[in-house]
């Protein structure tokens, strides 16, 4: 369950980051509300996962999921562009997330 909580926390982190962009500096009501609720919910699920996961591993995976997810959604939703070196860096983050999962003792 701890990994599911961490996955939910990561998904919520992506949600609040994307809706923060959509809120236009908290000037659009619905995305602003989703940002605030998503931020709090993400922290709650991360804290639940931290009951059983090492802090460094969980936090690195949480932020890594956020980086990868927001990067991909930035490309698809906001037409953001990535250079080849940036793509390589995102791939390295994914490799790091997978490596941390594989190497963390349950």
N, C-alpha and C. Protein backbone atom coordinates (compact mmCIF):
# COMPACT_ATOMS: atom_id res chain seq x y z
N UNK A 1 0.82 -1.20 0.00
CA UNK A 1 0.00 0.00 0.00
C UNK A 1 0.86 1.26 0.00
N UNK A 2 2.03 1.18 0.64
CA UNK A 2 2.87 2.37 0.74
C UNK A 2 3.25 2.92 -0.62
N UNK A 3 3.47 2.03 -1.59
CA UNK A 3 3.83 2.46 -2.94
C UNK A 3 2.62 3.09 -3.64
N UNK A 4 1.44 2.58 -3.35
CA UNK A 4 0.23 3.16 -3.94
C UNK A 4 0.01 4.57 -3.38
N UNK A 5 0.23 4.72 -2.08
CA UNK A 5 0.10 6.07 -1.49
C UNK A 5 1.10 7.03 -2.12
N UNK A 6 2.31 6.55 -2.35
CA UNK A 6 3.32 7.40 -2.97
C UNK A 6 2.94 7.74 -4.41
N UNK A 7 2.41 6.78 -5.13
CA UNK A 7 1.96 7.02 -6.50
C UNK A 7 0.82 8.05 -6.53
N UNK A 8 -0.11 7.93 -5.61
CA UNK A 8 -1.20 8.90 -5.52
C UNK A 8 -0.64 10.29 -5.20
N UNK A 9 0.31 10.35 -4.27
CA UNK A 9 0.93 11.63 -3.91
C UNK A 9 1.61 12.25 -5.13
N UNK A 10 2.29 11.43 -5.93
CA UNK A 10 2.94 11.93 -7.14
C UNK A 10 1.94 12.43 -8.16
N UNK A 11 0.85 11.69 -8.34
CA UNK A 11 -0.19 12.12 -9.28
C UNK A 11 -0.82 13.43 -8.84
N UNK A 12 -1.03 13.56 -7.54
CA UNK A 12 -1.60 14.81 -7.03
C UNK A 12 -0.62 15.97 -7.15
N UNK A 13 0.68 15.68 -7.02
CA UNK A 13 1.67 16.72 -7.22
C UNK A 13 1.63 17.24 -8.65
N UNK A 14 1.52 16.32 -9.59
CA UNK A 14 1.40 16.71 -11.00
C UNK A 14 0.13 17.55 -11.20
N UNK A 15 -0.95 17.10 -10.57
CA UNK A 15 -2.23 17.81 -10.69
C UNK A 15 -2.12 19.25 -10.21
N UNK A 16 -1.58 19.44 -9.00
CA UNK A 16 -1.54 20.81 -8.48
C UNK A 16 -0.58 21.68 -9.26
N UNK A 17 0.51 21.10 -9.75
CA UNK A 17 1.46 21.92 -10.52
C UNK A 17 0.84 22.38 -11.85
N UNK A 18 0.14 21.46 -12.53
CA UNK A 18 -0.48 21.81 -13.81
C UNK A 18 -1.62 22.80 -13.60
N UNK A 19 -2.43 22.57 -12.57
CA UNK A 19 -3.53 23.51 -12.35
C UNK A 19 -3.04 24.86 -11.85
N UNK A 20 -1.86 24.88 -11.23
CA UNK A 20 -1.29 26.17 -10.85
C UNK A 20 -0.97 26.99 -12.09
N UNK A 21 -0.44 26.33 -13.11
CA UNK A 21 -0.19 27.02 -14.38
C UNK A 21 -1.51 27.50 -14.97
N UNK A 22 -2.53 26.66 -14.91
CA UNK A 22 -3.84 27.02 -15.46
C UNK A 22 -4.53 28.14 -14.66
N UNK A 23 -4.12 28.30 -13.40
CA UNK A 23 -4.76 29.31 -12.56
C UNK A 23 -4.32 30.73 -12.91
N UNK A 24 -3.29 30.84 -13.74
CA UNK A 24 -2.80 32.15 -14.18
C UNK A 24 -2.48 33.04 -12.98
N UNK A 25 -1.62 32.52 -12.11
CA UNK A 25 -1.25 33.29 -10.93
C UNK A 25 -2.37 33.41 -9.91
N UNK A 26 -3.18 32.36 -9.80
CA UNK A 26 -4.32 32.31 -8.89
C UNK A 26 -5.38 33.36 -9.21
N UNK A 27 -5.52 33.65 -10.50
CA UNK A 27 -6.57 34.60 -10.91
C UNK A 27 -7.78 33.89 -11.51
N UNK A 28 -7.68 32.57 -11.74
CA UNK A 28 -8.80 31.78 -12.26
C UNK A 28 -9.24 30.85 -11.13
N UNK A 29 -10.52 30.94 -10.74
CA UNK A 29 -11.00 30.31 -9.51
C UNK A 29 -10.85 28.79 -9.46
N UNK A 30 -11.43 28.07 -10.41
CA UNK A 30 -11.46 26.60 -10.31
C UNK A 30 -10.05 26.00 -10.31
N UNK A 31 -9.18 26.37 -11.24
CA UNK A 31 -7.82 25.82 -11.16
C UNK A 31 -7.10 26.21 -9.86
N UNK A 32 -7.40 27.39 -9.33
CA UNK A 32 -6.78 27.81 -8.07
C UNK A 32 -7.22 26.91 -6.92
N UNK A 33 -8.51 26.57 -6.88
CA UNK A 33 -9.03 25.68 -5.84
C UNK A 33 -8.42 24.29 -5.98
N UNK A 34 -8.37 23.78 -7.21
CA UNK A 34 -7.79 22.45 -7.44
C UNK A 34 -6.32 22.43 -7.04
N UNK A 35 -5.61 23.52 -7.30
CA UNK A 35 -4.21 23.62 -6.90
C UNK A 35 -4.06 23.48 -5.40
N UNK A 36 -4.84 24.24 -4.66
CA UNK A 36 -4.74 24.21 -3.19
C UNK A 36 -5.12 22.85 -2.61
N UNK A 37 -6.21 22.29 -3.09
CA UNK A 37 -6.66 20.98 -2.60
C UNK A 37 -5.65 19.89 -3.00
N UNK A 38 -5.18 19.95 -4.23
CA UNK A 38 -4.21 18.96 -4.71
C UNK A 38 -2.91 19.02 -3.94
N UNK A 39 -2.47 20.23 -3.62
CA UNK A 39 -1.22 20.40 -2.86
C UNK A 39 -1.33 19.76 -1.48
N UNK A 40 -2.42 20.05 -0.80
CA UNK A 40 -2.62 19.50 0.54
C UNK A 40 -2.77 17.98 0.47
N UNK A 41 -3.57 17.49 -0.47
CA UNK A 41 -3.79 16.05 -0.60
C UNK A 41 -2.48 15.33 -0.95
N UNK A 42 -1.67 15.94 -1.80
CA UNK A 42 -0.39 15.35 -2.16
C UNK A 42 0.50 15.21 -0.92
N UNK A 43 0.55 16.25 -0.11
CA UNK A 43 1.35 16.20 1.11
C UNK A 43 0.83 15.15 2.08
N UNK A 44 -0.49 15.02 2.17
CA UNK A 44 -1.08 14.02 3.07
C UNK A 44 -0.70 12.60 2.61
N UNK A 45 -0.85 12.33 1.33
CA UNK A 45 -0.51 10.98 0.84
C UNK A 45 0.99 10.71 0.94
N UNK A 46 1.82 11.73 0.71
CA UNK A 46 3.26 11.55 0.90
C UNK A 46 3.56 11.23 2.36
N UNK A 47 2.92 11.92 3.28
CA UNK A 47 3.17 11.67 4.70
C UNK A 47 2.75 10.27 5.11
N UNK A 48 1.67 9.77 4.52
CA UNK A 48 1.24 8.40 4.81
C UNK A 48 2.27 7.40 4.28
N UNK A 49 2.76 7.64 3.07
CA UNK A 49 3.78 6.75 2.50
C UNK A 49 5.06 6.78 3.33
N UNK A 50 5.37 7.95 3.89
CA UNK A 50 6.60 8.09 4.69
C UNK A 50 6.57 7.31 5.99
N UNK A 51 5.42 6.84 6.39
CA UNK A 51 5.34 6.00 7.59
C UNK A 51 6.16 4.73 7.41
N UNK A 52 6.25 4.25 6.15
CA UNK A 52 6.91 2.97 5.91
C UNK A 52 8.05 3.05 4.90
N UNK A 53 8.24 4.17 4.26
CA UNK A 53 9.31 4.30 3.27
C UNK A 53 10.39 5.24 3.79
N UNK A 54 11.63 5.01 3.39
CA UNK A 54 12.70 5.94 3.76
C UNK A 54 12.44 7.33 3.16
N UNK A 55 12.73 8.36 3.92
CA UNK A 55 12.48 9.73 3.50
C UNK A 55 13.15 10.06 2.17
N UNK A 56 14.43 9.78 2.05
CA UNK A 56 15.16 10.12 0.83
C UNK A 56 14.58 9.45 -0.40
N UNK A 57 14.27 8.18 -0.28
CA UNK A 57 13.70 7.43 -1.40
C UNK A 57 12.33 7.98 -1.78
N UNK A 58 11.46 8.12 -0.80
CA UNK A 58 10.09 8.56 -1.08
C UNK A 58 10.08 9.98 -1.65
N UNK A 59 10.86 10.87 -1.06
CA UNK A 59 10.86 12.25 -1.52
C UNK A 59 11.43 12.36 -2.93
N UNK A 60 12.51 11.63 -3.19
CA UNK A 60 13.10 11.65 -4.53
C UNK A 60 12.12 11.11 -5.57
N UNK A 61 11.43 10.04 -5.23
CA UNK A 61 10.46 9.47 -6.17
C UNK A 61 9.27 10.41 -6.36
N UNK A 62 8.80 11.04 -5.30
CA UNK A 62 7.68 11.98 -5.37
C UNK A 62 8.02 13.16 -6.26
N UNK A 63 9.16 13.76 -6.02
CA UNK A 63 9.56 14.90 -6.86
C UNK A 63 9.87 14.45 -8.29
N UNK A 64 10.46 13.28 -8.43
CA UNK A 64 10.75 12.77 -9.77
C UNK A 64 9.50 12.52 -10.58
N UNK A 65 8.48 11.94 -9.94
CA UNK A 65 7.20 11.74 -10.63
C UNK A 65 6.62 13.09 -11.04
N UNK A 66 6.74 14.07 -10.15
CA UNK A 66 6.25 15.40 -10.48
C UNK A 66 6.98 16.02 -11.65
N UNK A 67 8.30 15.87 -11.67
CA UNK A 67 9.09 16.43 -12.77
C UNK A 67 8.71 15.79 -14.10
N UNK A 68 8.66 14.49 -14.12
CA UNK A 68 8.35 13.78 -15.37
C UNK A 68 6.92 14.08 -15.81
N UNK A 69 5.98 13.99 -14.88
CA UNK A 69 4.58 14.22 -15.23
C UNK A 69 4.30 15.62 -15.71
N UNK A 70 4.84 16.61 -14.99
CA UNK A 70 4.60 18.00 -15.41
C UNK A 70 5.33 18.33 -16.70
N UNK A 71 6.47 17.72 -16.92
CA UNK A 71 7.17 17.93 -18.19
C UNK A 71 6.34 17.41 -19.35
N UNK A 72 5.82 16.20 -19.21
CA UNK A 72 5.00 15.62 -20.29
C UNK A 72 3.72 16.41 -20.51
N UNK A 73 3.05 16.78 -19.42
CA UNK A 73 1.82 17.56 -19.59
C UNK A 73 2.11 18.96 -20.11
N UNK A 74 3.25 19.51 -19.75
CA UNK A 74 3.63 20.81 -20.31
C UNK A 74 3.77 20.75 -21.82
N UNK A 75 4.31 19.64 -22.31
CA UNK A 75 4.45 19.44 -23.75
C UNK A 75 3.09 19.31 -24.41
N UNK A 76 2.23 18.46 -23.83
CA UNK A 76 0.94 18.16 -24.47
C UNK A 76 -0.12 19.23 -24.25
N UNK A 77 -0.14 19.86 -23.08
CA UNK A 77 -1.19 20.84 -22.79
C UNK A 77 -0.81 22.27 -23.13
N UNK A 78 0.47 22.59 -22.99
CA UNK A 78 0.89 23.98 -23.13
C UNK A 78 1.87 24.21 -24.28
N UNK A 79 2.05 23.19 -25.11
CA UNK A 79 2.94 23.30 -26.28
C UNK A 79 4.38 23.67 -25.92
N UNK A 80 4.83 23.27 -24.76
CA UNK A 80 6.21 23.55 -24.36
C UNK A 80 7.15 22.63 -25.14
N UNK A 81 8.34 23.10 -25.38
CA UNK A 81 9.32 22.36 -26.17
C UNK A 81 10.48 21.93 -25.27
N UNK A 82 11.06 20.78 -25.60
CA UNK A 82 12.25 20.29 -24.90
C UNK A 82 13.36 20.07 -25.91
N UNK A 83 14.56 20.41 -25.52
CA UNK A 83 15.73 20.12 -26.34
C UNK A 83 16.14 18.66 -26.11
N UNK A 84 16.99 18.16 -26.96
CA UNK A 84 17.47 16.78 -26.80
C UNK A 84 18.17 16.60 -25.44
N UNK A 85 19.04 17.52 -25.02
CA UNK A 85 19.64 17.34 -23.69
C UNK A 85 18.61 17.32 -22.56
N UNK A 86 17.55 18.10 -22.69
CA UNK A 86 16.50 18.09 -21.68
C UNK A 86 15.77 16.75 -21.66
N UNK A 87 15.51 16.19 -22.82
CA UNK A 87 14.86 14.87 -22.90
C UNK A 87 15.74 13.82 -22.23
N UNK A 88 17.03 13.89 -22.48
CA UNK A 88 17.97 12.94 -21.86
C UNK A 88 17.92 13.07 -20.34
N UNK A 89 17.87 14.29 -19.84
CA UNK A 89 17.80 14.51 -18.39
C UNK A 89 16.51 13.93 -17.80
N UNK A 90 15.39 14.12 -18.48
CA UNK A 90 14.12 13.55 -18.00
C UNK A 90 14.20 12.03 -18.00
N UNK A 91 14.79 11.46 -19.02
CA UNK A 91 14.96 10.00 -19.07
C UNK A 91 15.81 9.52 -17.90
N UNK A 92 16.86 10.27 -17.57
CA UNK A 92 17.69 9.90 -16.42
C UNK A 92 16.90 9.96 -15.11
N UNK A 93 15.98 10.91 -15.00
CA UNK A 93 15.13 10.98 -13.81
C UNK A 93 14.25 9.74 -13.73
N UNK A 94 13.68 9.32 -14.85
CA UNK A 94 12.85 8.11 -14.88
C UNK A 94 13.69 6.90 -14.46
N UNK A 95 14.90 6.81 -14.98
CA UNK A 95 15.78 5.70 -14.60
C UNK A 95 16.05 5.74 -13.10
N UNK A 96 16.25 6.93 -12.55
CA UNK A 96 16.47 7.07 -11.12
C UNK A 96 15.28 6.64 -10.30
N UNK A 97 14.08 7.00 -10.74
CA UNK A 97 12.86 6.59 -10.03
C UNK A 97 12.73 5.07 -10.02
N UNK A 98 12.92 4.47 -11.19
CA UNK A 98 12.82 3.01 -11.30
C UNK A 98 13.90 2.35 -10.43
N UNK A 99 15.10 2.89 -10.49
CA UNK A 99 16.20 2.35 -9.69
C UNK A 99 15.91 2.42 -8.20
N UNK A 100 15.37 3.53 -7.74
CA UNK A 100 15.04 3.65 -6.33
C UNK A 100 13.98 2.63 -5.91
N UNK A 101 12.99 2.43 -6.77
CA UNK A 101 11.94 1.44 -6.47
C UNK A 101 12.54 0.04 -6.38
N UNK A 102 13.38 -0.28 -7.34
CA UNK A 102 13.97 -1.62 -7.38
C UNK A 102 14.89 -1.87 -6.17
N UNK A 103 15.62 -0.84 -5.79
CA UNK A 103 16.63 -0.99 -4.74
C UNK A 103 16.12 -0.79 -3.33
N UNK A 104 14.87 -0.34 -3.18
CA UNK A 104 14.31 -0.13 -1.85
C UNK A 104 13.76 -1.45 -1.32
N UNK A 105 14.24 -1.81 -0.14
CA UNK A 105 13.78 -3.05 0.47
C UNK A 105 12.39 -2.84 1.06
N UNK A 106 11.49 -3.74 0.76
CA UNK A 106 10.10 -3.64 1.27
C UNK A 106 9.99 -4.16 2.67
